Protein backbone atom coordinates (compact mmCIF):
# COMPACT_ATOMS: atom_id res chain seq x y z
CA MET A 1 52.81 22.88 19.35
CA ALA A 2 50.54 25.88 19.53
CA ASP A 3 52.32 26.98 22.64
CA GLN A 4 55.67 26.43 21.73
CA PRO A 5 58.11 28.94 19.63
CA ILE A 6 58.43 27.91 16.02
CA ALA A 7 62.14 26.86 15.75
CA VAL A 8 63.51 29.33 12.81
CA GLY A 9 65.13 27.81 9.68
CA ASN A 10 68.30 29.32 7.79
CA ASP A 11 67.06 28.59 4.29
CA ILE A 12 64.43 31.29 3.13
CA HIS A 13 63.29 30.68 -0.19
CA ARG A 14 60.39 30.18 -2.57
CA LEU A 15 58.26 32.78 -1.06
CA PHE A 16 55.88 33.40 -4.20
CA ASP A 17 56.36 29.86 -5.70
CA LEU A 18 53.43 27.66 -4.46
CA SER A 19 53.83 25.04 -7.36
CA TRP A 20 55.65 22.73 -5.17
CA VAL A 21 52.74 22.81 -2.73
CA ALA A 22 50.15 22.23 -5.39
CA ARG A 23 52.33 19.12 -6.50
CA LYS A 24 52.52 17.43 -3.09
CA TRP A 25 48.85 17.63 -2.59
CA SER A 26 48.07 16.23 -6.07
CA SER A 27 50.08 13.25 -5.02
CA ARG A 28 47.90 12.90 -1.74
CA GLY A 29 44.72 12.66 -4.22
CA ILE A 30 43.73 16.33 -3.64
CA HIS A 31 43.89 17.95 -6.94
CA VAL A 32 44.77 21.84 -6.79
CA ARG A 33 44.80 23.62 -9.40
CA ILE A 34 47.74 26.14 -10.18
CA CYS A 35 46.34 29.55 -10.92
CA LYS A 36 47.69 33.23 -10.16
CA LEU A 37 48.60 32.05 -6.72
CA ASN A 38 49.92 28.62 -7.89
CA SER A 39 46.57 27.09 -5.47
CA HIS A 40 43.07 26.22 -5.58
CA PRO A 41 40.78 24.68 -3.33
CA HIS A 42 39.18 22.44 -5.81
CA SER A 43 40.02 19.10 -4.32
CA SER A 44 38.32 16.06 -5.37
CA PRO A 45 36.12 14.60 -3.81
CA SER A 46 36.35 17.90 -1.45
CA PHE A 47 35.44 21.30 -2.16
CA PHE A 48 35.07 24.17 0.00
CA VAL A 49 33.18 27.45 -0.47
CA GLY A 50 32.88 30.55 1.96
CA PHE A 51 29.62 30.54 4.05
CA ARG A 52 29.86 34.50 3.94
CA PRO A 53 26.78 36.36 4.80
CA LEU A 54 26.31 40.12 4.98
CA SER A 55 22.85 41.06 4.29
CA LYS A 56 21.61 44.67 4.24
CA ASN A 57 24.69 45.70 5.57
CA ALA A 58 27.46 46.72 3.39
CA TYR A 59 29.33 43.46 1.99
CA SER A 60 33.01 44.15 3.76
CA LEU A 61 35.27 42.13 1.57
CA PRO A 62 35.39 42.62 -2.51
CA SER A 63 34.12 39.55 -4.75
CA ASP A 64 36.58 39.51 -7.50
CA ASP A 65 39.14 37.04 -8.38
CA GLN A 66 41.89 38.54 -6.21
CA MET A 67 39.98 37.35 -3.23
CA PHE A 68 38.56 34.41 -4.19
CA GLU A 69 42.37 33.52 -4.93
CA THR A 70 42.97 34.46 -1.25
CA TYR A 71 40.36 32.20 0.16
CA GLU A 72 41.95 29.44 -1.98
CA ALA A 73 45.46 29.95 -0.32
CA GLY A 74 43.65 29.95 3.08
CA HIS A 75 42.26 26.93 2.13
CA LEU A 76 45.54 25.35 1.12
CA LEU A 77 47.06 26.84 4.27
CA THR A 78 44.62 24.42 6.79
CA LEU A 79 45.37 21.49 4.70
CA VAL A 80 49.06 21.90 5.22
CA LEU A 81 48.69 22.46 8.99
CA ASP A 82 46.84 19.43 9.36
CA SER A 83 48.86 17.16 6.74
CA GLU A 84 49.57 14.52 9.25
CA ARG A 85 45.88 13.62 9.20
CA ASP A 86 44.43 11.18 6.83
CA ASN A 87 41.74 13.45 6.61
CA PRO A 88 42.85 17.14 6.59
CA LEU A 89 39.68 18.86 5.82
CA PHE A 90 37.97 18.46 9.37
CA ARG A 91 38.21 16.98 12.35
CA SER A 92 34.41 16.48 13.57
CA PRO A 93 33.92 12.57 13.55
CA ILE A 94 30.82 12.68 11.64
CA VAL A 95 29.25 9.23 10.52
CA LYS A 96 31.15 7.22 7.57
CA ASN A 97 28.34 7.82 5.16
CA PRO A 98 26.77 11.33 5.51
CA LYS A 99 23.67 12.43 3.62
CA HIS A 100 23.99 16.53 3.91
CA ILE A 101 26.70 18.95 4.85
CA LEU A 102 26.48 22.75 4.74
CA ASP A 103 29.73 24.37 3.31
CA LEU A 104 31.82 20.91 3.30
CA GLY A 105 32.02 18.60 0.58
CA THR A 106 33.12 14.65 1.62
CA GLY A 107 32.27 11.26 0.31
CA LYS A 108 28.73 10.78 -0.89
CA ALA A 109 27.15 13.76 0.63
CA THR A 110 25.29 16.37 -0.90
CA VAL A 111 27.11 19.78 -0.27
CA ARG A 112 25.65 22.93 -0.17
CA GLY A 113 28.04 25.84 -0.35
CA VAL A 114 26.29 28.94 0.56
CA ASP A 115 27.44 32.61 -0.37
CA LEU A 116 26.45 35.98 -1.37
CA PHE A 117 28.84 35.76 -4.40
CA PRO A 118 29.40 32.39 -5.72
CA PRO A 119 32.99 31.53 -6.63
CA PRO A 120 34.11 31.69 -10.34
CA VAL A 121 34.43 27.92 -10.89
CA SER A 122 33.83 26.25 -14.32
CA TRP A 123 33.64 22.35 -12.84
CA MET A 124 32.21 21.17 -9.69
CA PRO A 125 32.10 17.61 -7.88
CA PRO A 126 28.51 16.28 -9.08
CA ASN A 127 27.11 15.98 -5.42
CA CYS A 128 28.17 20.03 -4.77
CA VAL A 129 25.26 22.60 -5.20
CA LEU A 130 26.32 26.25 -5.12
CA GLU A 131 23.55 28.46 -3.66
CA VAL A 132 23.37 32.50 -3.83
CA ASP A 133 21.75 32.93 -0.35
CA ASP A 134 22.16 34.79 2.87
CA ALA A 135 22.77 33.01 6.13
CA LEU A 136 21.12 35.65 8.15
CA GLN A 137 17.86 35.13 6.41
CA PRO A 138 15.63 32.11 6.88
CA TRP A 139 17.27 29.04 6.25
CA THR A 140 14.50 26.96 3.76
CA TRP A 141 16.16 23.74 3.20
CA ARG A 142 14.57 20.57 3.73
CA GLU A 143 17.26 18.62 4.84
CA PRO A 144 19.22 18.83 8.24
CA PHE A 145 22.80 18.41 8.12
CA ASP A 146 25.35 15.88 9.65
CA LEU A 147 28.09 18.65 9.64
CA ILE A 148 28.02 22.55 9.39
CA TYR A 149 31.24 24.11 8.81
CA MET A 150 32.63 27.34 9.01
CA ARG A 151 36.06 29.09 8.42
CA ILE A 152 37.58 32.44 8.00
CA MET A 153 34.10 34.13 9.02
CA ILE A 154 36.02 36.75 11.01
CA GLY A 155 34.11 40.53 10.84
CA SER A 156 31.04 38.65 9.14
CA PHE A 157 28.40 39.30 11.85
CA SER A 158 27.61 41.43 14.71
CA ASP A 159 27.71 39.57 18.07
CA PRO A 160 23.97 39.18 18.12
CA GLU A 161 24.04 38.01 14.75
CA TRP A 162 26.58 35.33 15.53
CA ASP A 163 24.12 34.03 18.44
CA ARG A 164 21.70 33.79 15.44
CA ILE A 165 23.99 31.86 13.31
CA TYR A 166 24.85 29.30 15.90
CA LYS A 167 21.19 28.83 17.27
CA ARG A 168 20.21 28.09 13.40
CA CYS A 169 23.11 25.65 13.16
CA TYR A 170 22.35 23.99 16.21
CA GLU A 171 18.32 23.42 14.93
CA TRP A 172 19.61 22.10 11.60
CA VAL A 173 22.45 19.96 12.37
CA SER A 174 21.54 16.45 12.29
CA LEU A 175 18.97 15.44 13.22
CA TYR A 176 18.45 12.02 11.37
CA HIS A 177 22.31 11.74 11.65
CA GLY A 178 23.51 8.93 9.58
CA ARG A 179 20.07 8.20 8.05
CA HIS A 180 18.21 9.24 5.25
CA LEU A 181 15.71 12.14 5.23
CA ASP A 182 12.72 11.63 3.14
CA ALA A 183 12.48 14.69 0.65
CA ASN A 184 8.41 14.16 1.51
CA SER A 185 8.89 14.12 5.08
CA ASN A 186 7.20 16.88 6.77
CA LEU A 187 8.82 16.82 10.50
CA ASP A 188 9.05 19.22 13.00
CA HIS A 189 13.08 19.68 13.30
CA SER A 190 13.20 20.14 16.98
CA ASN A 191 11.99 16.45 17.07
CA LEU A 192 14.42 15.01 15.11
CA ARG A 193 17.62 12.98 16.41
CA PRO A 194 20.53 15.32 17.18
CA GLY A 195 24.48 13.72 17.25
CA ALA A 196 25.60 15.59 14.38
CA TRP A 197 28.35 18.34 14.52
CA ILE A 198 29.51 21.91 14.05
CA GLU A 199 33.14 22.98 13.10
CA GLN A 200 34.39 26.29 12.91
CA VAL A 201 38.18 27.69 12.06
CA GLU A 202 39.08 31.25 12.86
CA ALA A 203 42.49 33.38 13.05
CA SER A 204 43.57 36.30 14.64
CA PRO A 205 44.30 39.42 12.77
CA VAL A 206 47.25 40.22 15.55
CA ILE A 207 50.88 39.69 13.94
CA SER A 208 52.92 38.05 16.68
CA THR A 209 56.31 36.93 17.21
CA ASP A 210 57.93 34.66 19.82
CA ASP A 211 61.38 35.71 19.28
CA GLY A 212 61.26 39.41 19.18
CA SER A 213 62.48 39.56 15.55
CA ILE A 214 59.92 42.52 14.71
CA PRO A 215 60.79 45.85 16.07
CA GLU A 216 58.45 47.51 18.23
CA ASP A 217 57.91 50.44 15.61
CA SER A 218 57.31 48.02 13.07
CA ILE A 219 54.12 48.87 10.80
CA LEU A 220 53.13 44.87 11.12
CA HIS A 221 52.27 45.46 15.07
CA SER A 222 49.70 48.29 13.71
CA TRP A 223 47.73 45.95 11.44
CA GLY A 224 45.91 44.28 14.71
CA ILE A 225 45.53 47.60 16.13
CA ASN A 226 43.78 49.47 13.15
CA THR A 227 41.64 46.73 12.08
CA ARG A 228 39.99 45.52 15.01
CA ASP A 229 39.50 49.42 15.93
CA ALA A 230 37.71 49.72 12.71
CA ALA A 231 36.00 46.93 12.78
CA LYS A 232 34.57 47.46 16.40
CA LYS A 233 33.11 50.66 14.99
CA SER A 234 31.67 48.77 12.11
CA GLY A 235 29.58 46.62 14.84
CA ARG A 236 31.51 43.42 13.42
CA ASP A 237 34.49 42.62 15.67
CA LEU A 238 37.44 40.44 14.67
CA ASP A 239 37.38 38.47 17.66
CA ALA A 240 35.72 35.37 16.58
CA ILE A 241 38.61 32.97 17.44
CA ASP A 242 38.49 34.13 21.05
CA LYS A 243 34.33 34.04 21.37
CA MET A 244 33.35 31.31 19.10
CA THR A 245 34.00 28.63 21.71
CA ASP A 246 31.63 30.17 24.24
CA SER A 247 29.16 31.06 21.82
CA ILE A 248 28.84 27.63 20.48
CA ARG A 249 28.39 26.08 24.22
CA LYS A 250 25.75 29.00 24.48
CA ALA A 251 24.15 27.41 21.53
CA GLY A 252 23.78 24.14 23.38
CA PHE A 253 26.54 22.20 21.48
CA VAL A 254 28.44 19.39 23.58
CA ASP A 255 31.83 17.44 23.07
CA ILE A 256 33.34 20.89 22.49
CA GLN A 257 36.98 20.36 21.41
CA GLU A 258 39.71 22.68 20.27
CA LYS A 259 42.83 22.56 18.64
CA ASN A 260 45.24 25.79 18.77
CA TYR A 261 47.58 26.67 15.66
CA LYS A 262 50.11 29.28 14.94
CA TRP A 263 49.99 30.21 11.40
CA PRO A 264 53.66 31.28 10.15
CA ILE A 265 53.61 34.05 7.65
CA GLY A 266 56.89 33.50 5.35
CA PRO A 267 59.07 30.60 5.15
CA TRP A 268 61.21 31.08 7.76
CA PRO A 269 60.36 28.21 9.99
CA ARG A 270 62.86 25.05 9.97
CA ASP A 271 60.26 22.76 9.87
CA LYS A 272 59.09 21.36 6.60
CA LYS A 273 55.43 21.51 7.18
CA TYR A 274 55.60 24.79 8.96
CA LYS A 275 57.81 26.45 6.12
CA GLU A 276 55.33 25.06 3.79
CA ALA A 277 52.71 26.43 5.74
CA GLY A 278 54.42 29.96 6.17
CA THR A 279 55.06 30.10 2.04
CA VAL A 280 51.24 29.95 1.58
CA ASN A 281 50.25 32.16 4.14
CA ALA A 282 52.60 34.77 3.11
CA GLN A 283 50.44 34.67 -0.23
CA HIS A 284 47.55 34.73 1.63
CA TRP A 285 48.33 37.89 3.05
CA LEU A 286 49.90 39.50 0.37
CA SER A 287 47.10 38.78 -2.06
CA GLY A 288 44.40 39.44 0.64
CA MET A 289 45.40 42.20 2.88
CA GLU A 290 43.92 45.18 0.69
CA GLY A 291 40.66 43.58 0.43
CA TRP A 292 40.55 42.55 4.08
CA CYS A 293 41.00 46.45 5.30
CA MET A 294 39.76 48.75 2.37
CA TRP A 295 36.28 48.90 3.46
CA LEU A 296 37.06 49.00 7.29
CA LEU A 297 39.55 51.64 7.12
CA THR A 298 38.00 54.07 4.35
CA LYS A 299 34.54 53.83 5.99
CA PHE A 300 35.27 53.61 9.67
CA GLY A 301 39.27 54.16 10.01
CA SER A 302 41.25 53.97 12.87
CA PRO A 303 40.96 56.76 14.50
CA VAL A 304 39.26 58.36 11.60
CA PRO A 305 38.54 57.20 8.21
CA TRP A 306 41.55 56.81 5.64
CA THR A 307 41.68 57.73 1.98
CA LYS A 308 41.83 55.07 -0.38
CA GLU A 309 45.42 56.20 -1.40
CA GLU A 310 46.27 56.23 2.41
CA VAL A 311 45.21 52.42 2.41
CA GLN A 312 47.02 51.75 -0.28
CA VAL A 313 50.39 52.84 0.74
CA TYR A 314 49.70 51.23 4.27
CA VAL A 315 49.26 48.04 2.33
CA ALA A 316 52.41 48.47 0.20
CA ASN A 317 54.58 49.10 3.30
CA MET A 318 52.83 46.01 5.14
CA ARG A 319 53.64 43.86 1.82
CA LYS A 320 57.36 45.24 2.16
CA GLU A 321 57.59 44.16 5.56
CA LEU A 322 56.20 40.97 5.62
CA ARG A 323 58.74 40.11 3.00
CA THR A 324 61.29 40.87 5.48
CA PRO A 325 63.06 37.58 5.96
CA ARG A 326 64.63 38.29 9.68
CA TYR A 327 60.79 38.94 10.96
CA HIS A 328 59.62 35.61 12.04
CA ALA A 329 55.78 36.46 12.17
CA TYR A 330 52.81 34.27 12.73
CA GLN A 331 49.03 34.37 13.50
CA ARG A 332 47.11 32.91 16.16
CA ALA A 333 44.32 30.33 14.89
CA ARG A 334 41.88 27.88 16.21
CA ARG A 335 39.80 24.87 15.26
CA VAL A 336 36.62 24.38 17.38
CA TRP A 337 34.50 21.38 16.79
CA ALA A 338 31.38 20.26 18.62
CA ARG A 339 28.15 17.99 18.97
CA LYS A 340 24.47 18.34 19.31
CA PRO A 341 23.68 16.64 22.63
CA PHE A 342 21.05 13.62 22.34
CA PRO A 343 17.83 13.80 24.24
CA ASN A 344 18.00 13.97 28.06
CA GLU A 345 21.88 13.98 27.75
CA THR A 346 23.59 15.60 30.91
CA VAL A 347 25.43 18.46 29.47
CA GLY A 348 26.95 19.68 32.92
CA LYS A 349 29.13 16.45 32.66
CA ARG A 350 30.87 17.83 29.06
CA GLU A 351 31.42 21.35 29.92
CA GLU A 352 34.81 21.27 29.89
CA ASN A 353 36.79 21.82 26.82
CA LYS A 354 38.88 19.17 25.14
CA LYS A 355 41.97 20.89 23.83
CA GLU A 356 45.18 20.05 21.80
C-alpha cells in the first residue's frame, strides 16, 4: 500500500476530535486516556516511552507537557496504521514469554523505559521501570534484552553516535533469549546466546503529496528543506528513515525486514483507517511543530539562524496550511526489525531484505 496513492475522500471532518479514536482503542482493550490531545499512550498491558538520548549536547526538543502529548499522538498513530494486526505494537517475532525488554512493555516482561526526561505519568504497569539515563553513556543493566525498540529517534544522534547505539543494541539483545538470566550471574555478554530482536520506526520530515494538491509555492514544501538543512548543521541529520536499515545490517543483525508506510496528515483519505490515522497525525503535527523546529532554526537556521518570533510566525503559517482540506499531505515512514544471528550462522544468505 505504501507505493500506492491514498484514495481521497469527500467528507473532511473531525480534525481535532480524537475522542472517537480513543474510544475505539479502549474497545480493543488498549486503554487510551483522553487528555489535551484526547489521546494517551498508556495501554494495558503495554507502555511506550521515548528512548531519547542527547547527553552533553543540547537537548533538541522541549520536555514540556505539550511535547509529551505530541509523543502520545505519535504512539496512537502507529497503533492505528497497524490496527489490522492482533498485536499493533510491534512486529518482531519475539518469544511468547520475554523476560526483559528495553523501551517496550509486553506480557510479563520487565520493561525499562529510558529517557533524559521522564514523562509526567501518575500510573505505570507493575512490570514497567522508568529510568532517567543517557543512551550514549555505558549501559549498566545486568540483564540482556529480548527486544530493543526505538521509535521517532530522528535527529537524536550523529552518524557515529548511531553506530555506537546499534553496536550496543547488538551486544545487549538477547542473549539468553526466552530464558531467565539469574541476577547473580556474572557472564560475558559476548558469550550469551543470541536470537533476539531490534525494531525501529522512523518517519521523514518531508511533506509529500501524490496528486499535486499542494501548490509548488506552499510553505509546506519548505518544512523538510529548512529542518533538514538546520539539522545537518547541528551534526544530527534527519535521515534516520533512510539510513537505519543499512546501519542495522552493519551492526551485524540478520533477517532484516521492512514495512513502508504513508502517514496521512489530515482526515482527507477515503479509507477509514487512513482517515483515522490522518486525524491523529494532523494533531501530532499541529502540537509538535514548534518544538520540533525551534532549537534547530534559532540555533542553526536555514540558511542563517532565525529569531524566535520568525519561527513562531513560520509555524503559525504551517498550521494554517496543514488545516487546508484540499491539501492531501502525507509523510513517508518505515518500520525495520531484525534479529541477532546465532553462532556460526551464515549472514550472506540473509542479506536481502524482506519488504512489505
